[in-house]
N, C-alpha and C. Protein backbone atom coordinates (compact mmCIF):
# COMPACT_ATOMS: atom_id res chain seq x y z
N MET A 1 2.55 204.18 15.49
CA MET A 1 2.76 205.25 16.42
C MET A 1 2.97 204.65 17.81
N THR A 2 3.93 205.16 18.52
CA THR A 2 4.24 204.62 19.84
C THR A 2 3.26 205.15 20.89
N ILE A 3 3.29 204.49 22.04
CA ILE A 3 2.44 204.92 23.16
C ILE A 3 2.82 206.33 23.59
N ALA A 4 4.10 206.62 23.60
CA ALA A 4 4.57 207.96 23.99
C ALA A 4 4.04 209.00 23.01
N ALA A 5 4.01 208.69 21.72
CA ALA A 5 3.50 209.63 20.71
C ALA A 5 2.00 209.85 20.90
N HIS A 6 1.25 208.78 21.19
CA HIS A 6 -0.19 208.91 21.45
C HIS A 6 -0.44 209.78 22.69
N LEU A 7 0.36 209.55 23.73
CA LEU A 7 0.21 210.33 24.95
C LEU A 7 0.53 211.81 24.69
N LYS A 8 1.56 212.06 23.88
CA LYS A 8 1.91 213.44 23.55
C LYS A 8 0.80 214.10 22.76
N THR A 9 0.21 213.38 21.79
CA THR A 9 -0.90 213.92 21.00
C THR A 9 -2.11 214.22 21.90
N ALA A 10 -2.42 213.29 22.82
CA ALA A 10 -3.55 213.50 23.74
C ALA A 10 -3.27 214.69 24.66
N HIS A 11 -2.03 214.77 25.13
CA HIS A 11 -1.66 215.89 26.01
C HIS A 11 -1.79 217.21 25.27
N ASP A 12 -1.31 217.27 24.02
CA ASP A 12 -1.40 218.51 23.24
C ASP A 12 -2.85 218.92 22.99
N ALA A 13 -3.70 217.93 22.68
CA ALA A 13 -5.13 218.21 22.46
C ALA A 13 -5.77 218.74 23.75
N HIS A 14 -5.42 218.10 24.85
CA HIS A 14 -5.92 218.54 26.17
C HIS A 14 -5.50 219.98 26.45
N GLN A 15 -4.24 220.30 26.21
CA GLN A 15 -3.73 221.65 26.46
C GLN A 15 -4.45 222.69 25.59
N ARG A 16 -4.66 222.36 24.30
CA ARG A 16 -5.35 223.29 23.40
C ARG A 16 -6.80 223.52 23.85
N LEU A 17 -7.50 222.41 24.15
CA LEU A 17 -8.90 222.51 24.55
C LEU A 17 -9.05 223.33 25.82
N PHE A 18 -8.30 222.99 26.84
CA PHE A 18 -8.46 223.70 28.10
C PHE A 18 -7.80 225.07 28.10
N GLY A 19 -6.91 225.30 27.16
CA GLY A 19 -6.40 226.65 26.95
C GLY A 19 -7.51 227.56 26.45
N LEU A 20 -8.34 227.04 25.53
CA LEU A 20 -9.49 227.81 25.04
C LEU A 20 -10.52 228.02 26.15
N VAL A 21 -10.78 226.97 26.93
CA VAL A 21 -11.73 227.09 28.04
C VAL A 21 -11.25 228.16 29.01
N GLN A 22 -9.98 228.12 29.35
CA GLN A 22 -9.43 229.11 30.28
C GLN A 22 -9.48 230.51 29.70
N GLN A 23 -9.18 230.63 28.43
CA GLN A 23 -9.16 231.94 27.79
C GLN A 23 -10.54 232.58 27.79
N TYR A 24 -11.58 231.80 27.50
CA TYR A 24 -12.91 232.38 27.35
C TYR A 24 -13.80 232.28 28.58
N LEU A 25 -13.58 231.27 29.42
CA LEU A 25 -14.48 231.07 30.54
C LEU A 25 -13.87 231.39 31.89
N ALA A 26 -12.58 231.29 32.04
CA ALA A 26 -11.97 231.46 33.35
C ALA A 26 -11.71 232.93 33.68
N GLY A 27 -11.90 233.81 32.75
CA GLY A 27 -11.63 235.22 33.01
C GLY A 27 -12.89 235.97 33.36
N ASP A 28 -13.25 236.89 32.50
CA ASP A 28 -14.37 237.78 32.77
C ASP A 28 -15.70 237.06 32.83
N ALA A 29 -15.89 236.04 32.02
CA ALA A 29 -17.17 235.31 32.04
C ALA A 29 -17.38 234.64 33.39
N LEU A 30 -16.36 234.05 33.95
CA LEU A 30 -16.48 233.40 35.26
C LEU A 30 -16.73 234.43 36.36
N LYS A 31 -16.07 235.56 36.27
CA LYS A 31 -16.28 236.62 37.27
C LYS A 31 -17.71 237.15 37.21
N LEU A 32 -18.22 237.35 36.01
CA LEU A 32 -19.60 237.80 35.86
C LEU A 32 -20.57 236.74 36.36
N LEU A 33 -20.34 235.49 36.01
CA LEU A 33 -21.21 234.41 36.46
C LEU A 33 -21.21 234.29 37.98
N ALA A 34 -20.06 234.42 38.60
CA ALA A 34 -19.98 234.36 40.07
C ALA A 34 -20.75 235.51 40.70
N ARG A 35 -20.62 236.71 40.13
CA ARG A 35 -21.36 237.86 40.66
C ARG A 35 -22.87 237.64 40.54
N LEU A 36 -23.31 237.16 39.39
CA LEU A 36 -24.75 236.95 39.17
C LEU A 36 -25.30 235.84 40.07
N ALA A 37 -24.54 234.76 40.21
CA ALA A 37 -24.99 233.65 41.06
C ALA A 37 -25.10 234.09 42.51
N LEU A 38 -24.10 234.81 42.99
CA LEU A 38 -24.11 235.30 44.36
C LEU A 38 -25.25 236.29 44.58
N ALA A 39 -25.44 237.19 43.64
CA ALA A 39 -26.55 238.14 43.75
C ALA A 39 -27.89 237.41 43.76
N GLY A 40 -28.02 236.39 42.94
CA GLY A 40 -29.28 235.65 42.88
C GLY A 40 -29.64 234.97 44.18
N VAL A 41 -28.65 234.43 44.87
CA VAL A 41 -28.89 233.76 46.16
C VAL A 41 -29.52 234.73 47.15
N PHE A 42 -28.90 235.90 47.30
CA PHE A 42 -29.36 236.84 48.31
C PHE A 42 -30.62 237.59 47.87
N TRP A 43 -30.79 237.82 46.57
CA TRP A 43 -32.00 238.47 46.06
C TRP A 43 -33.22 237.58 46.31
N ARG A 44 -33.09 236.29 46.04
CA ARG A 44 -34.21 235.37 46.30
C ARG A 44 -34.55 235.34 47.78
N SER A 45 -33.55 235.42 48.64
CA SER A 45 -33.81 235.48 50.07
C SER A 45 -34.56 236.76 50.43
N LEU A 46 -34.18 237.88 49.82
CA LEU A 46 -34.89 239.14 50.04
C LEU A 46 -36.37 238.99 49.72
N LEU A 47 -36.68 238.34 48.61
CA LEU A 47 -38.07 238.22 48.17
C LEU A 47 -38.93 237.42 49.15
N THR A 48 -38.30 236.62 50.01
CA THR A 48 -39.06 235.90 51.02
C THR A 48 -39.35 236.78 52.24
N LYS A 49 -38.64 237.90 52.38
CA LYS A 49 -38.77 238.76 53.56
C LYS A 49 -39.69 239.95 53.37
N VAL A 50 -39.91 240.38 52.14
CA VAL A 50 -40.65 241.62 51.89
C VAL A 50 -41.89 241.37 51.03
N GLN A 51 -42.78 242.37 51.05
CA GLN A 51 -43.93 242.33 50.15
C GLN A 51 -43.41 242.48 48.72
N THR A 52 -44.00 241.74 47.80
CA THR A 52 -43.54 241.78 46.41
C THR A 52 -44.68 242.13 45.48
N VAL A 53 -44.30 242.49 44.29
CA VAL A 53 -45.27 242.78 43.24
C VAL A 53 -44.90 241.91 42.03
N GLY A 54 -45.91 241.35 41.39
CA GLY A 54 -45.68 240.50 40.24
C GLY A 54 -45.56 241.30 38.96
N VAL A 55 -44.69 240.85 38.09
CA VAL A 55 -44.51 241.46 36.77
C VAL A 55 -44.74 240.35 35.76
N PHE A 56 -45.40 240.68 34.66
CA PHE A 56 -45.75 239.71 33.63
C PHE A 56 -46.63 238.61 34.23
N ASN A 57 -47.77 239.04 34.76
CA ASN A 57 -48.69 238.12 35.43
C ASN A 57 -49.45 237.27 34.41
N TYR A 58 -49.84 236.10 34.84
CA TYR A 58 -50.66 235.20 34.02
C TYR A 58 -51.49 234.33 34.96
N THR A 59 -52.49 233.67 34.41
CA THR A 59 -53.35 232.79 35.18
C THR A 59 -53.10 231.36 34.74
N GLU A 60 -52.91 230.50 35.71
CA GLU A 60 -52.67 229.08 35.45
C GLU A 60 -53.81 228.29 36.09
N MET A 61 -54.33 227.34 35.37
CA MET A 61 -55.40 226.49 35.90
C MET A 61 -54.76 225.27 36.55
N ILE A 62 -55.05 225.09 37.85
CA ILE A 62 -54.54 223.94 38.60
C ILE A 62 -55.74 223.27 39.27
N ASN A 63 -56.02 222.04 38.84
CA ASN A 63 -57.17 221.29 39.37
C ASN A 63 -58.46 222.12 39.29
N ASP A 64 -58.69 222.73 38.14
CA ASP A 64 -59.88 223.55 37.87
C ASP A 64 -59.96 224.82 38.71
N PHE A 65 -58.87 225.25 39.29
CA PHE A 65 -58.82 226.50 40.03
C PHE A 65 -57.86 227.45 39.31
N ALA A 66 -58.29 228.69 39.18
CA ALA A 66 -57.43 229.70 38.56
C ALA A 66 -56.43 230.20 39.61
N VAL A 67 -55.15 230.09 39.29
CA VAL A 67 -54.08 230.53 40.20
C VAL A 67 -53.31 231.64 39.50
N GLN A 68 -53.18 232.77 40.17
CA GLN A 68 -52.44 233.90 39.62
C GLN A 68 -50.94 233.66 39.82
N ARG A 69 -50.18 233.77 38.76
CA ARG A 69 -48.73 233.60 38.81
C ARG A 69 -48.07 234.81 38.17
N SER A 70 -46.77 234.92 38.40
CA SER A 70 -45.98 235.99 37.79
C SER A 70 -44.69 235.39 37.26
N HIS A 71 -44.27 235.88 36.12
CA HIS A 71 -42.98 235.44 35.58
C HIS A 71 -41.83 236.03 36.38
N LEU A 72 -42.09 237.16 37.01
CA LEU A 72 -41.04 237.85 37.75
C LEU A 72 -41.66 238.52 38.97
N ARG A 73 -40.99 238.41 40.11
CA ARG A 73 -41.44 239.09 41.33
C ARG A 73 -40.36 240.08 41.72
N LEU A 74 -40.78 241.28 42.07
CA LEU A 74 -39.87 242.32 42.51
C LEU A 74 -40.33 242.84 43.86
N PRO A 75 -39.42 243.36 44.66
CA PRO A 75 -39.84 243.92 45.96
C PRO A 75 -40.70 245.15 45.75
N GLU A 76 -41.72 245.25 46.54
CA GLU A 76 -42.58 246.43 46.52
C GLU A 76 -41.81 247.57 47.19
N LEU A 77 -41.83 248.73 46.56
CA LEU A 77 -41.13 249.89 47.12
C LEU A 77 -42.14 250.89 47.64
N PRO A 78 -41.94 251.48 48.79
CA PRO A 78 -40.84 251.25 49.71
C PRO A 78 -40.92 249.84 50.29
N LEU A 79 -39.77 249.32 50.67
CA LEU A 79 -39.70 247.97 51.23
C LEU A 79 -40.59 247.85 52.46
N THR A 80 -41.35 246.78 52.49
CA THR A 80 -42.22 246.50 53.63
C THR A 80 -41.98 245.07 54.07
N LEU A 81 -41.56 244.89 55.32
CA LEU A 81 -41.32 243.54 55.82
C LEU A 81 -42.63 242.79 55.95
N LYS A 82 -42.60 241.50 55.59
CA LYS A 82 -43.74 240.64 55.85
C LYS A 82 -43.80 240.38 57.35
N PRO A 83 -44.99 240.23 57.91
CA PRO A 83 -45.08 239.91 59.34
C PRO A 83 -44.32 238.62 59.69
N SER A 84 -44.31 237.67 58.78
CA SER A 84 -43.61 236.40 59.04
C SER A 84 -42.10 236.60 59.18
N THR A 85 -41.57 237.65 58.56
CA THR A 85 -40.14 237.93 58.67
C THR A 85 -39.77 238.29 60.11
N LEU A 86 -40.56 239.14 60.70
CA LEU A 86 -40.28 239.52 62.09
C LEU A 86 -40.42 238.33 63.03
N VAL A 87 -41.40 237.46 62.76
CA VAL A 87 -41.56 236.26 63.58
C VAL A 87 -40.34 235.36 63.45
N LEU A 88 -39.84 235.18 62.23
CA LEU A 88 -38.63 234.36 62.02
C LEU A 88 -37.43 234.94 62.75
N PHE A 89 -37.25 236.25 62.66
CA PHE A 89 -36.11 236.87 63.32
C PHE A 89 -36.25 236.83 64.84
N GLN A 90 -37.47 236.83 65.31
CA GLN A 90 -37.69 236.77 66.75
C GLN A 90 -37.47 235.36 67.29
N ASN A 91 -37.91 234.35 66.54
CA ASN A 91 -37.85 232.97 67.03
C ASN A 91 -36.68 232.16 66.49
N ASP A 92 -36.56 232.08 65.17
CA ASP A 92 -35.57 231.20 64.55
C ASP A 92 -34.22 231.85 64.32
N TYR A 93 -34.21 233.14 63.96
CA TYR A 93 -32.98 233.82 63.61
C TYR A 93 -32.45 234.71 64.72
N ALA A 94 -32.89 234.50 65.93
CA ALA A 94 -32.53 235.39 67.03
C ALA A 94 -31.02 235.56 67.14
N LEU A 95 -30.57 236.79 67.05
CA LEU A 95 -29.14 237.09 67.15
C LEU A 95 -28.85 237.71 68.51
N PRO A 96 -27.68 237.41 69.06
CA PRO A 96 -27.33 238.05 70.34
C PRO A 96 -27.01 239.52 70.12
N LEU A 97 -27.39 240.34 71.05
CA LEU A 97 -27.03 241.76 71.10
C LEU A 97 -27.74 242.67 70.09
N ILE A 98 -28.50 242.11 69.16
CA ILE A 98 -29.15 242.95 68.16
C ILE A 98 -30.67 242.76 68.29
N PRO A 99 -31.40 243.85 68.46
CA PRO A 99 -32.86 243.73 68.55
C PRO A 99 -33.45 243.11 67.28
N THR A 100 -34.52 242.38 67.47
CA THR A 100 -35.15 241.63 66.38
C THR A 100 -35.45 242.48 65.16
N GLU A 101 -36.13 243.59 65.36
CA GLU A 101 -36.54 244.41 64.21
C GLU A 101 -35.32 245.02 63.50
N LEU A 102 -34.33 245.43 64.25
CA LEU A 102 -33.11 245.97 63.65
C LEU A 102 -32.40 244.89 62.83
N ALA A 103 -32.28 243.69 63.36
CA ALA A 103 -31.63 242.60 62.63
C ALA A 103 -32.39 242.27 61.35
N ALA A 104 -33.72 242.27 61.42
CA ALA A 104 -34.53 241.98 60.23
C ALA A 104 -34.31 243.04 59.16
N TRP A 105 -34.31 244.30 59.57
CA TRP A 105 -34.10 245.37 58.59
C TRP A 105 -32.67 245.38 58.04
N MET A 106 -31.69 245.11 58.89
CA MET A 106 -30.29 245.06 58.41
C MET A 106 -30.13 243.98 57.35
N ALA A 107 -30.66 242.79 57.61
CA ALA A 107 -30.56 241.69 56.65
C ALA A 107 -31.31 242.03 55.36
N THR A 108 -32.49 242.60 55.51
CA THR A 108 -33.31 242.95 54.34
C THR A 108 -32.63 243.99 53.47
N LEU A 109 -32.11 245.04 54.08
CA LEU A 109 -31.44 246.09 53.31
C LEU A 109 -30.16 245.57 52.66
N ALA A 110 -29.46 244.69 53.35
CA ALA A 110 -28.26 244.09 52.75
C ALA A 110 -28.64 243.23 51.55
N GLU A 111 -29.71 242.46 51.68
CA GLU A 111 -30.14 241.59 50.58
C GLU A 111 -30.76 242.38 49.43
N PHE A 112 -31.15 243.59 49.68
CA PHE A 112 -31.65 244.46 48.62
C PHE A 112 -30.50 245.17 47.91
N THR A 113 -29.60 245.74 48.69
CA THR A 113 -28.55 246.61 48.15
C THR A 113 -27.40 245.85 47.48
N PHE A 114 -26.83 244.88 48.19
CA PHE A 114 -25.60 244.26 47.69
C PHE A 114 -25.80 243.42 46.43
N PRO A 115 -26.92 242.71 46.25
CA PRO A 115 -27.11 242.03 44.96
C PRO A 115 -27.20 243.00 43.78
N ILE A 116 -27.85 244.13 43.98
CA ILE A 116 -27.93 245.12 42.89
C ILE A 116 -26.52 245.61 42.54
N LEU A 117 -25.73 245.91 43.56
CA LEU A 117 -24.36 246.37 43.31
C LEU A 117 -23.53 245.29 42.62
N LEU A 118 -23.73 244.02 43.00
CA LEU A 118 -22.99 242.93 42.36
C LEU A 118 -23.36 242.80 40.88
N VAL A 119 -24.64 242.87 40.57
CA VAL A 119 -25.07 242.75 39.17
C VAL A 119 -24.48 243.89 38.35
N LEU A 120 -24.48 245.08 38.90
CA LEU A 120 -23.91 246.23 38.19
C LEU A 120 -22.38 246.18 38.15
N GLY A 121 -21.78 245.46 39.07
CA GLY A 121 -20.33 245.48 39.18
C GLY A 121 -19.85 246.79 39.76
N LEU A 122 -20.60 247.31 40.73
CA LEU A 122 -20.27 248.58 41.37
C LEU A 122 -19.97 248.32 42.85
N LEU A 123 -18.83 248.77 43.31
CA LEU A 123 -18.37 248.47 44.68
C LEU A 123 -18.42 246.96 44.91
N THR A 124 -17.96 246.23 43.93
CA THR A 124 -18.12 244.78 43.88
C THR A 124 -17.42 244.08 45.03
N ARG A 125 -16.16 244.39 45.25
CA ARG A 125 -15.42 243.69 46.30
C ARG A 125 -16.01 243.99 47.68
N LEU A 126 -16.39 245.22 47.92
CA LEU A 126 -17.01 245.60 49.18
C LEU A 126 -18.34 244.86 49.36
N SER A 127 -19.13 244.78 48.31
CA SER A 127 -20.41 244.07 48.37
C SER A 127 -20.20 242.59 48.68
N ALA A 128 -19.22 241.98 48.03
CA ALA A 128 -18.94 240.56 48.28
C ALA A 128 -18.49 240.36 49.73
N LEU A 129 -17.64 241.25 50.23
CA LEU A 129 -17.19 241.12 51.62
C LEU A 129 -18.35 241.31 52.60
N ALA A 130 -19.26 242.22 52.29
CA ALA A 130 -20.43 242.41 53.15
C ALA A 130 -21.28 241.14 53.18
N LEU A 131 -21.47 240.52 52.02
CA LEU A 131 -22.25 239.28 51.97
C LEU A 131 -21.50 238.12 52.61
N LEU A 132 -20.17 238.15 52.58
CA LEU A 132 -19.39 237.16 53.30
C LEU A 132 -19.64 237.30 54.80
N GLY A 133 -19.61 238.54 55.28
CA GLY A 133 -19.90 238.78 56.70
C GLY A 133 -21.30 238.30 57.07
N MET A 134 -22.26 238.58 56.22
CA MET A 134 -23.63 238.14 56.48
C MET A 134 -23.72 236.62 56.50
N THR A 135 -23.04 235.98 55.57
CA THR A 135 -23.01 234.51 55.52
C THR A 135 -22.42 233.94 56.79
N LEU A 136 -21.34 234.53 57.27
CA LEU A 136 -20.71 234.04 58.50
C LEU A 136 -21.61 234.23 59.72
N VAL A 137 -22.34 235.34 59.76
CA VAL A 137 -23.29 235.54 60.85
C VAL A 137 -24.39 234.48 60.79
N ILE A 138 -24.91 234.23 59.59
CA ILE A 138 -25.93 233.19 59.43
C ILE A 138 -25.37 231.85 59.88
N GLN A 139 -24.15 231.57 59.44
CA GLN A 139 -23.53 230.28 59.77
C GLN A 139 -23.31 230.12 61.27
N LEU A 140 -22.76 231.12 61.89
CA LEU A 140 -22.38 231.01 63.30
C LEU A 140 -23.55 231.11 64.26
N PHE A 141 -24.52 231.98 63.96
CA PHE A 141 -25.58 232.26 64.93
C PHE A 141 -26.95 231.70 64.58
N VAL A 142 -27.21 231.47 63.29
CA VAL A 142 -28.55 231.03 62.89
C VAL A 142 -28.59 229.54 62.59
N TYR A 143 -27.71 229.08 61.73
CA TYR A 143 -27.69 227.68 61.32
C TYR A 143 -26.29 227.08 61.49
N PRO A 144 -25.82 226.89 62.71
CA PRO A 144 -24.46 226.41 62.90
C PRO A 144 -24.21 224.99 62.38
N ASP A 145 -25.24 224.21 62.16
CA ASP A 145 -25.06 222.84 61.66
C ASP A 145 -25.18 222.73 60.15
N ALA A 146 -25.42 223.84 59.45
CA ALA A 146 -25.70 223.78 58.01
C ALA A 146 -24.50 224.09 57.13
N TRP A 147 -23.29 224.04 57.66
CA TRP A 147 -22.11 224.49 56.93
C TRP A 147 -21.97 223.87 55.54
N TRP A 148 -21.95 222.59 55.43
CA TRP A 148 -21.66 221.99 54.13
C TRP A 148 -22.85 221.99 53.20
N GLY A 149 -24.02 222.30 53.73
CA GLY A 149 -25.20 222.33 52.86
C GLY A 149 -25.13 223.43 51.83
N THR A 150 -24.97 224.65 52.26
CA THR A 150 -25.04 225.78 51.35
C THR A 150 -24.01 226.84 51.63
N HIS A 151 -23.78 227.11 52.88
CA HIS A 151 -22.96 228.26 53.24
C HIS A 151 -21.53 228.17 52.73
N ALA A 152 -20.99 226.97 52.64
CA ALA A 152 -19.63 226.83 52.11
C ALA A 152 -19.56 227.33 50.66
N LEU A 153 -20.61 227.07 49.89
CA LEU A 153 -20.64 227.54 48.50
C LEU A 153 -20.72 229.07 48.45
N TRP A 154 -21.50 229.65 49.36
CA TRP A 154 -21.60 231.11 49.40
C TRP A 154 -20.25 231.71 49.76
N VAL A 155 -19.56 231.08 50.71
CA VAL A 155 -18.24 231.58 51.12
C VAL A 155 -17.27 231.53 49.94
N VAL A 156 -17.28 230.44 49.20
CA VAL A 156 -16.39 230.32 48.04
C VAL A 156 -16.70 231.41 47.02
N MET A 157 -17.98 231.63 46.74
CA MET A 157 -18.34 232.67 45.76
C MET A 157 -17.95 234.06 46.25
N THR A 158 -18.21 234.36 47.52
CA THR A 158 -17.88 235.70 48.02
C THR A 158 -16.37 235.93 48.04
N VAL A 159 -15.62 234.91 48.45
CA VAL A 159 -14.16 235.05 48.48
C VAL A 159 -13.60 235.19 47.07
N PHE A 160 -14.17 234.44 46.11
CA PHE A 160 -13.73 234.55 44.72
C PHE A 160 -13.97 235.96 44.19
N VAL A 161 -15.18 236.46 44.37
CA VAL A 161 -15.51 237.79 43.85
C VAL A 161 -14.69 238.87 44.55
N ALA A 162 -14.55 238.77 45.87
CA ALA A 162 -13.76 239.76 46.60
C ALA A 162 -12.28 239.68 46.20
N GLY A 163 -11.79 238.48 45.99
CA GLY A 163 -10.37 238.31 45.68
C GLY A 163 -9.99 238.65 44.26
N TYR A 164 -10.83 238.26 43.31
CA TYR A 164 -10.49 238.45 41.89
C TYR A 164 -11.16 239.66 41.25
N GLY A 165 -12.09 240.27 41.96
CA GLY A 165 -12.74 241.47 41.44
C GLY A 165 -13.85 241.15 40.46
N PRO A 166 -14.43 242.20 39.90
CA PRO A 166 -15.64 242.05 39.10
C PRO A 166 -15.40 241.65 37.64
N GLY A 167 -14.20 241.82 37.14
CA GLY A 167 -13.95 241.56 35.72
C GLY A 167 -14.25 242.80 34.89
N ARG A 168 -14.07 242.66 33.58
CA ARG A 168 -14.22 243.81 32.69
C ARG A 168 -15.66 244.20 32.41
N VAL A 169 -16.60 243.28 32.69
CA VAL A 169 -18.01 243.59 32.47
C VAL A 169 -18.57 244.15 33.77
N SER A 170 -18.17 245.37 34.09
CA SER A 170 -18.57 245.96 35.37
C SER A 170 -18.36 247.47 35.33
N ILE A 171 -19.12 248.15 36.17
CA ILE A 171 -18.93 249.60 36.31
C ILE A 171 -17.59 249.87 36.99
N ASP A 172 -17.21 249.01 37.94
CA ASP A 172 -15.91 249.19 38.60
C ASP A 172 -14.78 249.23 37.57
N HIS A 173 -14.79 248.30 36.64
CA HIS A 173 -13.73 248.24 35.61
C HIS A 173 -13.79 249.48 34.73
N TRP A 174 -14.99 249.82 34.29
CA TRP A 174 -15.16 250.99 33.43
C TRP A 174 -14.67 252.25 34.14
N ALA A 175 -15.09 252.44 35.39
CA ALA A 175 -14.69 253.62 36.14
C ALA A 175 -13.18 253.62 36.39
N GLY A 176 -12.64 252.44 36.68
CA GLY A 176 -11.19 252.35 36.92
C GLY A 176 -10.37 252.73 35.70
N THR A 177 -10.79 252.27 34.53
CA THR A 177 -10.05 252.60 33.32
C THR A 177 -10.29 254.05 32.89
N ARG A 178 -11.49 254.55 33.13
CA ARG A 178 -11.81 255.92 32.73
C ARG A 178 -11.08 256.94 33.61
N PHE A 179 -11.08 256.70 34.92
CA PHE A 179 -10.48 257.69 35.83
C PHE A 179 -8.98 257.47 36.04
N ALA A 180 -8.45 256.37 35.53
CA ALA A 180 -7.02 256.14 35.65
C ALA A 180 -6.25 256.95 34.62
N ARG A 181 -6.94 257.45 33.63
CA ARG A 181 -6.27 258.23 32.57
C ARG A 181 -5.83 259.58 33.04
């Protein structure tokens, strides 16, 4: 077999393999994964700002001390800001033109609402754009030197979700197909 024939065989195998990857992973699965990853980033941030309640609690022994843990933490409703959140917004996250408490509540409500909408795939593009705006505010006013650390990844995810939409595993898709009839 000639080198050209080996290269053609390798090329054909490559095309078949990545054709399958593209067919199954580059479409709806990737859109769902991007939505879930983006929602997870902002949901975890929410949990640092508000009082939480543990679900599926257990006790772990650490150095002969019983430590209460939870498999899952959820925000306590109604949402209650931790005192440390207001201190952070007053000192570290100080934004121009927006009062501290208002900025803290705006960020908290955004981190509560938009991840839920992303997971459901409801108002997906709007939610992604809102989180893009929030990311840019964080980047420009809170952590201007942290661009390549994390915020660039958030921007890529938000732009992807806003640009390509939620995919077929979403309420947006279901509603669009149902009401388009």
